[in-house]
């Protein structure tokens, strides 16, 4: 009998931390990381004029990913 393939909800193989992304639609990106990639929002706040949201899949880490609002439309990075 074969075992079913692990899913993102059962497989916790991601191992990284402190990655930051400038995003244009922060709410949409938070939903994607939370609902699709199974991250938990651990914190949020303001950094000057930018909104920041912290997400993690590792209970021992405050954040693995930071999503920052304010990505300029003309930015091609």
Protein backbone atom coordinates (compact mmCIF):
# COMPACT_ATOMS: atom_id res chain seq x y z
CA UNK A 1 0.00 0.00 0.00
CA UNK A 2 1.39 3.42 -0.90
CA UNK A 3 1.33 6.40 1.44
CA UNK A 4 -0.37 9.61 0.30
CA UNK A 5 1.97 12.45 -0.61
CA UNK A 6 2.50 14.96 2.21
CA UNK A 7 0.67 18.26 1.84
CA UNK A 8 1.75 21.73 2.91
CA UNK A 9 -0.44 21.35 5.99
CA UNK A 10 1.30 18.15 7.12
CA UNK A 11 4.83 18.77 5.87
CA UNK A 12 6.84 21.35 7.81
CA UNK A 13 10.06 21.12 5.80
CA UNK A 14 10.56 24.84 5.19
CA UNK A 15 13.63 26.14 6.98
CA UNK A 16 14.55 29.80 6.52
CA UNK A 17 14.15 33.09 8.33
CA UNK A 18 14.19 36.85 8.06
CA UNK A 19 13.25 37.25 4.42
CA UNK A 20 11.60 40.54 3.51
CA UNK A 21 9.47 41.47 0.53
CA UNK A 22 8.13 44.84 -0.65
CA UNK A 23 4.59 44.20 -1.92
CA UNK A 24 1.96 46.23 -3.73
CA UNK A 25 -1.14 44.47 -2.34
CA UNK A 26 -0.19 43.53 1.21
CA UNK A 27 -3.58 42.11 2.24
CA UNK A 28 -3.61 39.79 -0.78
CA UNK A 29 -0.06 38.60 -0.10
CA UNK A 30 -0.85 37.97 3.59
CA UNK A 31 -3.85 35.84 2.54
CA UNK A 32 -1.66 33.88 0.11
CA UNK A 33 1.07 33.12 2.67
CA UNK A 34 -1.52 32.33 5.36
CA UNK A 35 -4.10 30.37 3.39
CA UNK A 36 -2.00 28.66 0.71
CA UNK A 37 1.44 28.27 2.31
CA UNK A 38 0.12 27.79 5.89
CA UNK A 39 2.03 30.63 7.56
CA UNK A 40 0.74 32.23 10.76
CA UNK A 41 0.68 36.00 11.15
CA UNK A 42 2.69 36.68 14.29
CA UNK A 43 2.77 40.48 14.39
CA UNK A 44 2.12 43.67 12.45
CA UNK A 45 2.94 47.34 12.73
CA UNK A 46 4.13 50.52 11.09
CA UNK A 47 7.67 51.42 10.05
CA UNK A 48 7.44 55.06 9.12
CA UNK A 49 4.85 55.23 6.35
CA UNK A 50 5.09 51.52 5.57
CA UNK A 51 2.94 48.78 7.04
CA UNK A 52 4.78 45.57 8.00
CA UNK A 53 3.32 42.10 8.60
CA UNK A 54 5.37 39.29 10.14
CA UNK A 55 4.64 35.65 9.30
CA UNK A 56 6.12 32.34 10.41
CA UNK A 57 5.62 28.59 10.09
CA UNK A 58 8.08 27.85 12.88
CA UNK A 59 6.58 28.24 16.38
CA UNK A 60 9.99 29.16 17.85
CA UNK A 61 10.56 32.02 15.36
CA UNK A 62 8.78 35.37 15.62
CA UNK A 63 9.00 35.70 11.85
CA UNK A 64 10.42 34.00 8.83
CA UNK A 65 8.92 36.45 6.35
CA UNK A 66 8.20 40.17 6.53
CA UNK A 67 5.81 41.71 4.02
CA UNK A 68 6.20 45.49 3.67
CA UNK A 69 3.76 47.78 1.91
CA UNK A 70 4.93 50.59 -0.29
CA UNK A 71 6.55 48.85 -3.24
CA UNK A 72 6.77 51.56 -5.91
CA UNK A 73 4.86 50.81 -9.11
CA UNK A 74 7.95 51.65 -11.17
CA UNK A 75 10.22 49.27 -9.22
CA UNK A 76 11.40 46.40 -11.38
CA UNK A 77 13.33 44.49 -8.71
